[in-house]
Amino acid sequence: MRLTSPTDFEILEALADGNRNNAANLSYELDKNRSYINTRFPVLAEYDLVERVGPAPNSGLYEITDRGCAAVALREQYDDGNFDVLIDDYLDGVRDG
């Protein structure tokens, strides 16, 4: 998993409140370029950190997943090598917990 730090984590943290949001709102909130935010959403979705939600298929609304919440919780341990494993272990611990 290759995340762009700090931007990807800022996106995830902004969504961690559980509300759906889109690139236009997040670009304003995070003071980042809207087009850039739009390029990051598909990457985060590919890693199952966010998911695109309705009501319309092309609405551009995203929400954070459990994996995304785990990534936020583990941000300080991020590296390019084994972050997926850390997230999976974290989620296994939460489920068993």
PDB file of N, CA and C in Angstrom:
ATOM      1  N   MET A   1       0.847  -1.173   0.000  1.00  0.00           N
ATOM      2  CA  MET A   1       0.000   0.000   0.000  1.00  0.00           C
ATOM      3  C   MET A   1       0.890   1.232   0.000  1.00  0.00           C
ATOM      4  N   ARG A   2       0.665   2.078  -0.970  1.00  0.00           N
ATOM      5  CA  ARG A   2       1.433   3.317  -1.063  1.00  0.00           C
ATOM      6  C   ARG A   2       0.485   4.498  -0.912  1.00  0.00           C
ATOM      7  N   LEU A   3       0.588   5.161   0.202  1.00  0.00           N
ATOM      8  CA  LEU A   3      -0.237   6.328   0.469  1.00  0.00           C
ATOM      9  C   LEU A   3       0.601   7.590   0.323  1.00  0.00           C
ATOM     10  N   THR A   4      -0.063   8.667  -0.033  1.00  0.00           N
ATOM     11  CA  THR A   4       0.588   9.966  -0.108  1.00  0.00           C
ATOM     12  C   THR A   4       0.386  10.650   1.237  1.00  0.00           C
ATOM     13  N   SER A   5       1.487  10.840   1.932  1.00  0.00           N
ATOM     14  CA  SER A   5       1.411  11.443   3.252  1.00  0.00           C
ATOM     15  C   SER A   5       1.880  12.894   3.133  1.00  0.00           C
ATOM     16  N   PRO A   6       1.170  13.835   3.671  1.00  0.00           N
ATOM     17  CA  PRO A   6       0.071  13.703   4.622  1.00  0.00           C
ATOM     18  C   PRO A   6      -1.323  13.707   3.988  1.00  0.00           C
ATOM     19  N   THR A   7      -1.426  13.989   2.690  1.00  0.00           N
ATOM     20  CA  THR A   7      -2.741  14.225   2.072  1.00  0.00           C
ATOM     21  C   THR A   7      -3.717  13.076   2.264  1.00  0.00           C
ATOM     22  N   ASP A   8      -3.304  11.839   1.984  1.00  0.00           N
ATOM     23  CA  ASP A   8      -4.239  10.714   2.115  1.00  0.00           C
ATOM     24  C   ASP A   8      -4.733  10.576   3.547  1.00  0.00           C
ATOM     25  N   PHE A   9      -3.849  10.767   4.488  1.00  0.00           N
ATOM     26  CA  PHE A   9      -4.264  10.674   5.889  1.00  0.00           C
ATOM     27  C   PHE A   9      -5.181  11.840   6.274  1.00  0.00           C
ATOM     28  N   GLU A  10      -4.956  13.010   5.700  1.00  0.00           N
ATOM     29  CA  GLU A  10      -5.840  14.140   5.964  1.00  0.00           C
ATOM     30  C   GLU A  10      -7.238  13.860   5.420  1.00  0.00           C
ATOM     31  N   ILE A  11      -7.312  13.255   4.238  1.00  0.00           N
ATOM     32  CA  ILE A  11      -8.611  12.882   3.672  1.00  0.00           C
ATOM     33  C   ILE A  11      -9.311  11.883   4.586  1.00  0.00           C
ATOM     34  N   LEU A  12      -8.573  10.857   4.998  1.00  0.00           N
ATOM     35  CA  LEU A  12      -9.157   9.838   5.870  1.00  0.00           C
ATOM     36  C   LEU A  12      -9.606  10.433   7.203  1.00  0.00           C
ATOM     37  N   GLU A  13      -8.804  11.303   7.775  1.00  0.00           N
ATOM     38  CA  GLU A  13      -9.173  11.934   9.044  1.00  0.00           C
ATOM     39  C   GLU A  13     -10.415  12.800   8.887  1.00  0.00           C
ATOM     40  N   ALA A  14     -10.540  13.480   7.755  1.00  0.00           N
ATOM     41  CA  ALA A  14     -11.716  14.311   7.519  1.00  0.00           C
ATOM     42  C   ALA A  14     -12.975  13.461   7.393  1.00  0.00           C
ATOM     43  N   LEU A  15     -12.823  12.240   6.894  1.00  0.00           N
ATOM     44  CA  LEU A  15     -13.973  11.341   6.753  1.00  0.00           C
ATOM     45  C   LEU A  15     -14.215  10.512   8.015  1.00  0.00           C
ATOM     46  N   ALA A  16     -13.282  10.532   8.941  1.00  0.00           N
ATOM     47  CA  ALA A  16     -13.374   9.680  10.134  1.00  0.00           C
ATOM     48  C   ALA A  16     -14.534  10.055  11.056  1.00  0.00           C
ATOM     49  N   ASP A  17     -15.164  11.184  10.812  1.00  0.00           N
ATOM     50  CA  ASP A  17     -16.321  11.549  11.628  1.00  0.00           C
ATOM     51  C   ASP A  17     -17.559  10.738  11.241  1.00  0.00           C
ATOM     52  N   GLY A  18     -17.415   9.908  10.187  1.00  0.00           N
ATOM     53  CA  GLY A  18     -18.500   9.034   9.776  1.00  0.00           C
ATOM     54  C   GLY A  18     -19.432   9.634   8.741  1.00  0.00           C
ATOM     55  N   ASN A  19     -19.224  10.900   8.418  1.00  0.00           N
ATOM     56  CA  ASN A  19     -20.071  11.540   7.417  1.00  0.00           C
ATOM     57  C   ASN A  19     -19.523  11.322   6.017  1.00  0.00           C
ATOM     58  N   ARG A  20     -20.424  11.276   5.062  1.00  0.00           N
ATOM     59  CA  ARG A  20     -20.036  11.206   3.656  1.00  0.00           C
ATOM     60  C   ARG A  20     -19.541  12.574   3.223  1.00  0.00           C
ATOM     61  N   ASN A  21     -18.629  12.569   2.243  1.00  0.00           N
ATOM     62  CA  ASN A  21     -18.151  13.850   1.741  1.00  0.00           C
ATOM     63  C   ASN A  21     -17.664  13.678   0.315  1.00  0.00           C
ATOM     64  N   ASN A  22     -17.405  14.811  -0.354  1.00  0.00           N
ATOM     65  CA  ASN A  22     -16.930  14.774  -1.730  1.00  0.00           C
ATOM     66  C   ASN A  22     -15.668  15.626  -1.871  1.00  0.00           C
ATOM     67  N   ALA A  23     -15.071  15.559  -3.045  1.00  0.00           N
ATOM     68  CA  ALA A  23     -13.802  16.251  -3.277  1.00  0.00           C
ATOM     69  C   ALA A  23     -13.926  17.758  -3.141  1.00  0.00           C
ATOM     70  N   ALA A  24     -15.046  18.321  -3.600  1.00  0.00           N
ATOM     71  CA  ALA A  24     -15.213  19.776  -3.519  1.00  0.00           C
ATOM     72  C   ALA A  24     -15.182  20.251  -2.068  1.00  0.00           C
ATOM     73  N   ASN A  25     -15.917  19.572  -1.217  1.00  0.00           N
ATOM     74  CA  ASN A  25     -15.947  19.960   0.196  1.00  0.00           C
ATOM     75  C   ASN A  25     -14.595  19.728   0.870  1.00  0.00           C
ATOM     76  N   LEU A  26     -14.000  18.583   0.589  1.00  0.00           N
ATOM     77  CA  LEU A  26     -12.720  18.270   1.229  1.00  0.00           C
ATOM     78  C   LEU A  26     -11.607  19.180   0.743  1.00  0.00           C
ATOM     79  N   SER A  27     -11.634  19.569  -0.520  1.00  0.00           N
ATOM     80  CA  SER A  27     -10.593  20.473  -1.011  1.00  0.00           C
ATOM     81  C   SER A  27     -10.662  21.810  -0.276  1.00  0.00           C
ATOM     82  N   TYR A  28     -11.858  22.263   0.007  1.00  0.00           N
ATOM     83  CA  TYR A  28     -12.030  23.498   0.771  1.00  0.00           C
ATOM     84  C   TYR A  28     -11.581  23.301   2.220  1.00  0.00           C
ATOM     85  N   GLU A  29     -12.043  22.223   2.816  1.00  0.00           N
ATOM     86  CA  GLU A  29     -11.728  21.942   4.225  1.00  0.00           C
ATOM     87  C   GLU A  29     -10.232  21.743   4.455  1.00  0.00           C
ATOM     88  N   LEU A  30      -9.572  21.054   3.526  1.00  0.00           N
ATOM     89  CA  LEU A  30      -8.156  20.719   3.685  1.00  0.00           C
ATOM     90  C   LEU A  30      -7.230  21.712   2.995  1.00  0.00           C
ATOM     91  N   ASP A  31      -7.801  22.683   2.281  1.00  0.00           N
ATOM     92  CA  ASP A  31      -7.029  23.656   1.510  1.00  0.00           C
ATOM     93  C   ASP A  31      -6.101  22.955   0.510  1.00  0.00           C
ATOM     94  N   LYS A  32      -6.696  22.006  -0.221  1.00  0.00           N
ATOM     95  CA  LYS A  32      -5.981  21.238  -1.249  1.00  0.00           C
ATOM     96  C   LYS A  32      -6.711  21.397  -2.576  1.00  0.00           C
ATOM     97  N   ASN A  33      -6.039  21.127  -3.654  1.00  0.00           N
ATOM     98  CA  ASN A  33      -6.610  21.199  -4.982  1.00  0.00           C
ATOM     99  C   ASN A  33      -7.684  20.129  -5.158  1.00  0.00           C
ATOM    100  N   ARG A  34      -8.846  20.535  -5.657  1.00  0.00           N
ATOM    101  CA  ARG A  34      -9.966  19.599  -5.841  1.00  0.00           C
ATOM    102  C   ARG A  34      -9.606  18.469  -6.803  1.00  0.00           C
ATOM    103  N   SER A  35      -8.931  18.784  -7.885  1.00  0.00           N
ATOM    104  CA  SER A  35      -8.544  17.755  -8.855  1.00  0.00           C
ATOM    105  C   SER A  35      -7.626  16.723  -8.214  1.00  0.00           C
ATOM    106  N   TYR A  36      -6.741  17.193  -7.357  1.00  0.00           N
ATOM    107  CA  TYR A  36      -5.836  16.271  -6.683  1.00  0.00           C
ATOM    108  C   TYR A  36      -6.602  15.349  -5.733  1.00  0.00           C
ATOM    109  N   ILE A  37      -7.530  15.913  -4.988  1.00  0.00           N
ATOM    110  CA  ILE A  37      -8.368  15.092  -4.101  1.00  0.00           C
ATOM    111  C   ILE A  37      -9.109  14.042  -4.929  1.00  0.00           C
ATOM    112  N   ASN A  38      -9.628  14.464  -6.085  1.00  0.00           N
ATOM    113  CA  ASN A  38     -10.335  13.524  -6.963  1.00  0.00           C
ATOM    114  C   ASN A  38      -9.435  12.402  -7.462  1.00  0.00           C
ATOM    115  N   THR A  39      -8.147  12.648  -7.614  1.00  0.00           N
ATOM    116  CA  THR A  39      -7.238  11.572  -8.040  1.00  0.00           C
ATOM    117  C   THR A  39      -6.915  10.627  -6.895  1.00  0.00           C
ATOM    118  N   ARG A  40      -7.010  11.093  -5.675  1.00  0.00           N
ATOM    119  CA  ARG A  40      -6.663  10.264  -4.519  1.00  0.00           C
ATOM    120  C   ARG A  40      -7.813   9.341  -4.113  1.00  0.00           C
ATOM    121  N   PHE A  41      -9.051   9.766  -4.299  1.00  0.00           N
ATOM    122  CA  PHE A  41     -10.188   8.936  -3.909  1.00  0.00           C
ATOM    123  C   PHE A  41     -10.157   7.545  -4.534  1.00  0.00           C
ATOM    124  N   PRO A  42      -9.933   7.394  -5.849  1.00  0.00           N
ATOM    125  CA  PRO A  42      -9.888   6.043  -6.424  1.00  0.00           C
ATOM    126  C   PRO A  42      -8.771   5.179  -5.843  1.00  0.00           C
ATOM    127  N   VAL A  43      -7.646   5.784  -5.520  1.00  0.00           N
ATOM    128  CA  VAL A  43      -6.537   5.038  -4.913  1.00  0.00           C
ATOM    129  C   VAL A  43      -6.943   4.547  -3.527  1.00  0.00           C
ATOM    130  N   LEU A  44      -7.526   5.431  -2.745  1.00  0.00           N
ATOM    131  CA  LEU A  44      -7.975   5.052  -1.405  1.00  0.00           C
ATOM    132  C   LEU A  44      -9.071   3.987  -1.477  1.00  0.00           C
ATOM    133  N   ALA A  45      -9.926   4.078  -2.484  1.00  0.00           N
ATOM    134  CA  ALA A  45     -10.976   3.072  -2.668  1.00  0.00           C
ATOM    135  C   ALA A  45     -10.364   1.732  -3.072  1.00  0.00           C
ATOM    136  N   GLU A  46      -9.343   1.761  -3.901  1.00  0.00           N
ATOM    137  CA  GLU A  46      -8.671   0.523  -4.311  1.00  0.00           C
ATOM    138  C   GLU A  46      -8.076  -0.204  -3.103  1.00  0.00           C
ATOM    139  N   TYR A  47      -7.591   0.556  -2.147  1.00  0.00           N
ATOM    140  CA  TYR A  47      -7.039  -0.024  -0.917  1.00  0.00           C
ATOM    141  C   TYR A  47      -8.126  -0.341   0.114  1.00  0.00           C
ATOM    142  N   ASP A  48      -9.378  -0.105  -0.239  1.00  0.00           N
ATOM    143  CA  ASP A  48     -10.525  -0.345   0.640  1.00  0.00           C
ATOM    144  C   ASP A  48     -10.474   0.518   1.903  1.00  0.00           C
ATOM    145  N   LEU A  49      -9.973   1.745   1.749  1.00  0.00           N
ATOM    146  CA  LEU A  49      -9.932   2.683   2.863  1.00  0.00           C
ATOM    147  C   LEU A  49     -11.141   3.615   2.840  1.00  0.00           C
ATOM    148  N   VAL A  50     -11.687   3.830   1.648  1.00  0.00           N
ATOM    149  CA  VAL A  50     -12.929   4.575   1.471  1.00  0.00           C
ATOM    150  C   VAL A  50     -13.772   3.818   0.462  1.00  0.00           C
ATOM    151  N   GLU A  51     -15.058   4.156   0.421  1.00  0.00           N
ATOM    152  CA  GLU A  51     -15.914   3.584  -0.607  1.00  0.00           C
ATOM    153  C   GLU A  51     -16.825   4.664  -1.150  1.00  0.00           C
ATOM    154  N   ARG A  52     -17.089   4.548  -2.438  1.00  0.00           N
ATOM    155  CA  ARG A  52     -18.008   5.472  -3.088  1.00  0.00           C
ATOM    156  C   ARG A  52     -19.430   5.054  -2.722  1.00  0.00           C
ATOM    157  N   VAL A  53     -20.229   6.043  -2.329  1.00  0.00           N
ATOM    158  CA  VAL A  53     -21.594   5.762  -1.916  1.00  0.00           C
ATOM    159  C   VAL A  53     -22.560   6.653  -2.690  1.00  0.00           C
ATOM    160  N   GLY A  54     -23.824   6.277  -2.703  1.00  0.00           N
ATOM    161  CA  GLY A  54     -24.865   6.998  -3.431  1.00  0.00           C
ATOM    162  C   GLY A  54     -25.189   8.325  -2.805  1.00  0.00           C
ATOM    163  N   PRO A  55     -26.311   8.841  -3.145  1.00  0.00           N
ATOM    164  CA  PRO A  55     -27.441   8.154  -3.744  1.00  0.00           C
ATOM    165  C   PRO A  55     -27.286   7.887  -5.243  1.00  0.00           C
ATOM    166  N   ALA A  56     -26.611   8.743  -5.971  1.00  0.00           N
ATOM    167  CA  ALA A  56     -26.410   8.515  -7.405  1.00  0.00           C
ATOM    168  C   ALA A  56     -25.045   7.868  -7.623  1.00  0.00           C
ATOM    169  N   PRO A  57     -24.928   6.978  -8.608  1.00  0.00           N
ATOM    170  CA  PRO A  57     -23.665   6.267  -8.836  1.00  0.00           C
ATOM    171  C   PRO A  57     -22.470   7.191  -9.081  1.00  0.00           C
ATOM    172  N   ASN A  58     -22.697   8.339  -9.689  1.00  0.00           N
ATOM    173  CA  ASN A  58     -21.593   9.258  -9.985  1.00  0.00           C
ATOM    174  C   ASN A  58     -21.630  10.506  -9.108  1.00  0.00           C
ATOM    175  N   SER A  59     -22.167  10.373  -7.929  1.00  0.00           N
ATOM    176  CA  SER A  59     -22.324  11.544  -7.059  1.00  0.00           C
ATOM    177  C   SER A  59     -20.998  12.045  -6.514  1.00  0.00           C
ATOM    178  N   GLY A  60     -19.991  11.188  -6.483  1.00  0.00           N
ATOM    179  CA  GLY A  60     -18.709  11.610  -5.940  1.00  0.00           C
ATOM    180  C   GLY A  60     -18.662  11.621  -4.432  1.00  0.00           C
ATOM    181  N   LEU A  61     -19.653  11.023  -3.799  1.00  0.00           N
ATOM    182  CA  LEU A  61     -19.656  10.939  -2.341  1.00  0.00           C
ATOM    183  C   LEU A  61     -18.879   9.715  -1.891  1.00  0.00           C
ATOM    184  N   TYR A  62     -18.057   9.916  -0.894  1.00  0.00           N
ATOM    185  CA  TYR A  62     -17.268   8.832  -0.321  1.00  0.00           C
ATOM    186  C   TYR A  62     -17.458   8.809   1.181  1.00  0.00           C
ATOM    187  N   GLU A  63     -17.258   7.620   1.745  1.00  0.00           N
ATOM    188  CA  GLU A  63     -17.221   7.479   3.194  1.00  0.00           C
ATOM    189  C   GLU A  63     -16.073   6.550   3.554  1.00  0.00           C
ATOM    190  N   ILE A  64     -15.613   6.682   4.769  1.00  0.00           N
ATOM    191  CA  ILE A  64     -14.488   5.884   5.240  1.00  0.00           C
ATOM    192  C   ILE A  64     -14.967   4.468   5.572  1.00  0.00           C
ATOM    193  N   THR A  65     -14.096   3.498   5.384  1.00  0.00           N
ATOM    194  CA  THR A  65     -14.389   2.105   5.732  1.00  0.00           C
ATOM    195  C   THR A  65     -13.725   1.777   7.071  1.00  0.00           C
ATOM    196  N   ASP A  66     -13.971   0.569   7.561  1.00  0.00           N
ATOM    197  CA  ASP A  66     -13.286   0.127   8.791  1.00  0.00           C
ATOM    198  C   ASP A  66     -11.770   0.123   8.585  1.00  0.00           C
ATOM    199  N   ARG A  67     -11.330  -0.288   7.400  1.00  0.00           N
ATOM    200  CA  ARG A  67      -9.886  -0.274   7.095  1.00  0.00           C
ATOM    201  C   ARG A  67      -9.351   1.153   7.117  1.00  0.00           C
ATOM    202  N   GLY A  68     -10.146   2.097   6.626  1.00  0.00           N
ATOM    203  CA  GLY A  68      -9.738   3.497   6.648  1.00  0.00           C
ATOM    204  C   GLY A  68      -9.605   4.028   8.059  1.00  0.00           C
ATOM    205  N   CYS A  69     -10.556   3.660   8.915  1.00  0.00           N
ATOM    206  CA  CYS A  69     -10.475   4.061  10.333  1.00  0.00           C
ATOM    207  C   CYS A  69      -9.241   3.465  10.996  1.00  0.00           C
ATOM    208  N   ALA A  70      -8.939   2.216  10.653  1.00  0.00           N
ATOM    209  CA  ALA A  70      -7.737   1.573  11.199  1.00  0.00           C
ATOM    210  C   ALA A  70      -6.488   2.291  10.709  1.00  0.00           C
ATOM    211  N   ALA A  71      -6.473   2.699   9.451  1.00  0.00           N
ATOM    212  CA  ALA A  71      -5.319   3.429   8.911  1.00  0.00           C
ATOM    213  C   ALA A  71      -5.098   4.736   9.663  1.00  0.00           C
ATOM    214  N   VAL A  72      -6.184   5.425   9.983  1.00  0.00           N
ATOM    215  CA  VAL A  72      -6.074   6.664  10.762  1.00  0.00           C
ATOM    216  C   VAL A  72      -5.496   6.360  12.136  1.00  0.00           C
ATOM    217  N   ALA A  73      -5.992   5.319  12.775  1.00  0.00           N
ATOM    218  CA  ALA A  73      -5.517   4.952  14.115  1.00  0.00           C
ATOM    219  C   ALA A  73      -4.039   4.563  14.104  1.00  0.00           C
ATOM    220  N   LEU A  74      -3.584   4.004  12.992  1.00  0.00           N
ATOM    221  CA  LEU A  74      -2.209   3.511  12.889  1.00  0.00           C
ATOM    222  C   LEU A  74      -1.284   4.446  12.113  1.00  0.00           C
ATOM    223  N   ARG A  75      -1.727   5.645  11.862  1.00  0.00           N
ATOM    224  CA  ARG A  75      -0.974   6.581  11.018  1.00  0.00           C
ATOM    225  C   ARG A  75       0.489   6.706  11.398  1.00  0.00           C
ATOM    226  N   GLU A  76       0.775   6.778  12.660  1.00  0.00           N
ATOM    227  CA  GLU A  76       2.162   6.964  13.114  1.00  0.00           C
ATOM    228  C   GLU A  76       3.057   5.773  12.771  1.00  0.00           C
ATOM    229  N   GLN A  77       2.460   4.639  12.453  1.00  0.00           N
ATOM    230  CA  GLN A  77       3.228   3.439  12.122  1.00  0.00           C
ATOM    231  C   GLN A  77       3.314   3.203  10.616  1.00  0.00           C
ATOM    232  N   TYR A  78       2.835   4.165   9.827  1.00  0.00           N
ATOM    233  CA  TYR A  78       2.821   3.986   8.378  1.00  0.00           C
ATOM    234  C   TYR A  78       4.232   3.913   7.804  1.00  0.00           C
ATOM    235  N   ASP A  79       4.417   2.927   6.965  1.00  0.00           N
ATOM    236  CA  ASP A  79       5.563   2.862   6.066  1.00  0.00           C
ATOM    237  C   ASP A  79       5.083   2.154   4.812  1.00  0.00           C
ATOM    238  N   ASP A  80       5.888   2.141   3.785  1.00  0.00           N
ATOM    239  CA  ASP A  80       5.449   1.553   2.517  1.00  0.00           C
ATOM    240  C   ASP A  80       5.448   0.036   2.527  1.00  0.00           C
ATOM    241  N   GLY A  81       5.999  -0.574   3.560  1.00  0.00           N
ATOM    242  CA  GLY A  81       6.193  -2.016   3.541  1.00  0.00           C
ATOM    243  C   GLY A  81       5.042  -2.867   4.021  1.00  0.00           C
ATOM    244  N   ASN A  82       4.672  -2.746   5.270  1.00  0.00           N
ATOM    245  CA  ASN A  82       3.731  -3.710   5.845  1.00  0.00           C
ATOM    246  C   ASN A  82       2.501  -3.062   6.468  1.00  0.00           C
ATOM    247  N   PHE A  83       2.093  -1.919   5.959  1.00  0.00           N
ATOM    248  CA  PHE A  83       0.946  -1.218   6.538  1.00  0.00           C
ATOM    249  C   PHE A  83      -0.334  -2.032   6.389  1.00  0.00           C
ATOM    250  N   ASP A  84      -0.473  -2.748   5.266  1.00  0.00           N
ATOM    251  CA  ASP A  84      -1.644  -3.619   5.081  1.00  0.00           C
ATOM    252  C   ASP A  84      -1.748  -4.651   6.203  1.00  0.00           C
ATOM    253  N   VAL A  85      -0.618  -5.236   6.536  1.00  0.00           N
ATOM    254  CA  VAL A  85      -0.592  -6.261   7.590  1.00  0.00           C
ATOM    255  C   VAL A  85      -0.952  -5.636   8.934  1.00  0.00           C
ATOM    256  N   LEU A  86      -0.416  -4.451   9.210  1.00  0.00           N
ATOM    257  CA  LEU A  86      -0.748  -3.769  10.464  1.00  0.00           C
ATOM    258  C   LEU A  86      -2.248  -3.493  10.557  1.00  0.00           C
ATOM    259  N   ILE A  87      -2.840  -3.050   9.453  1.00  0.00           N
ATOM    260  CA  ILE A  87      -4.275  -2.775   9.437  1.00  0.00           C
ATOM    261  C   ILE A  87      -5.061  -4.061   9.681  1.00  0.00           C
ATOM    262  N   ASP A  88      -4.691  -5.121   8.977  1.00  0.00           N
ATOM    263  CA  ASP A  88      -5.397  -6.399   9.153  1.00  0.00           C
ATOM    264  C   ASP A  88      -5.279  -6.904  10.587  1.00  0.00           C
ATOM    265  N   ASP A  89      -4.088  -6.825  11.165  1.00  0.00           N
ATOM    266  CA  ASP A  89      -3.889  -7.255  12.554  1.00  0.00           C
ATOM    267  C   ASP A  89      -4.718  -6.402  13.515  1.00  0.00           C
ATOM    268  N   TYR A  90      -4.747  -5.115  13.262  1.00  0.00           N
ATOM    269  CA  TYR A  90      -5.524  -4.199  14.093  1.00  0.00           C
ATOM    270  C   TYR A  90      -7.013  -4.565  14.040  1.00  0.00           C
ATOM    271  N   LEU A  91      -7.515  -4.768  12.836  1.00  0.00           N
ATOM    272  CA  LEU A  91      -8.935  -5.120  12.678  1.00  0.00           C
ATOM    273  C   LEU A  91      -9.257  -6.474  13.277  1.00  0.00           C
ATOM    274  N   ASP A  92      -8.341  -7.439  13.158  1.00  0.00           N
ATOM    275  CA  ASP A  92      -8.541  -8.749  13.793  1.00  0.00           C
ATOM    276  C   ASP A  92      -8.631  -8.590  15.307  1.00  0.00           C
ATOM    277  N   GLY A  93      -7.783  -7.747  15.871  1.00  0.00           N
ATOM    278  CA  GLY A  93      -7.808  -7.493  17.309  1.00  0.00           C
ATOM    279  C   GLY A  93      -9.090  -6.830  17.763  1.00  0.00           C
ATOM    280  N   VAL A  94      -9.598  -5.910  16.962  1.00  0.00           N
ATOM    281  CA  VAL A  94     -10.857  -5.238  17.281  1.00  0.00           C
ATOM    282  C   VAL A  94     -12.014  -6.226  17.234  1.00  0.00           C
ATOM    283  N   ARG A  95     -12.004  -7.085  16.227  1.00  0.00           N
ATOM    284  CA  ARG A  95     -13.090  -8.075  16.081  1.00  0.00           C
ATOM    285  C   ARG A  95     -13.047  -9.119  17.191  1.00  0.00           C
ATOM    286  N   ASP A  96     -11.830  -9.500  17.589  1.00  0.00           N
ATOM    287  CA  ASP A  96     -11.689 -10.512  18.635  1.00  0.00           C
ATOM    288  C   ASP A  96     -11.885  -9.924  20.026  1.00  0.00           C
ATOM    289  N   GLY A  97     -11.669  -8.617  20.117  1.00  0.00           N
ATOM    290  CA  GLY A  97     -11.571  -7.931  21.317  1.00  0.00           C
ATOM    291  C   GLY A  97     -12.517  -7.769  22.329  1.00  0.00           C
TER     292      GLY A  97
END
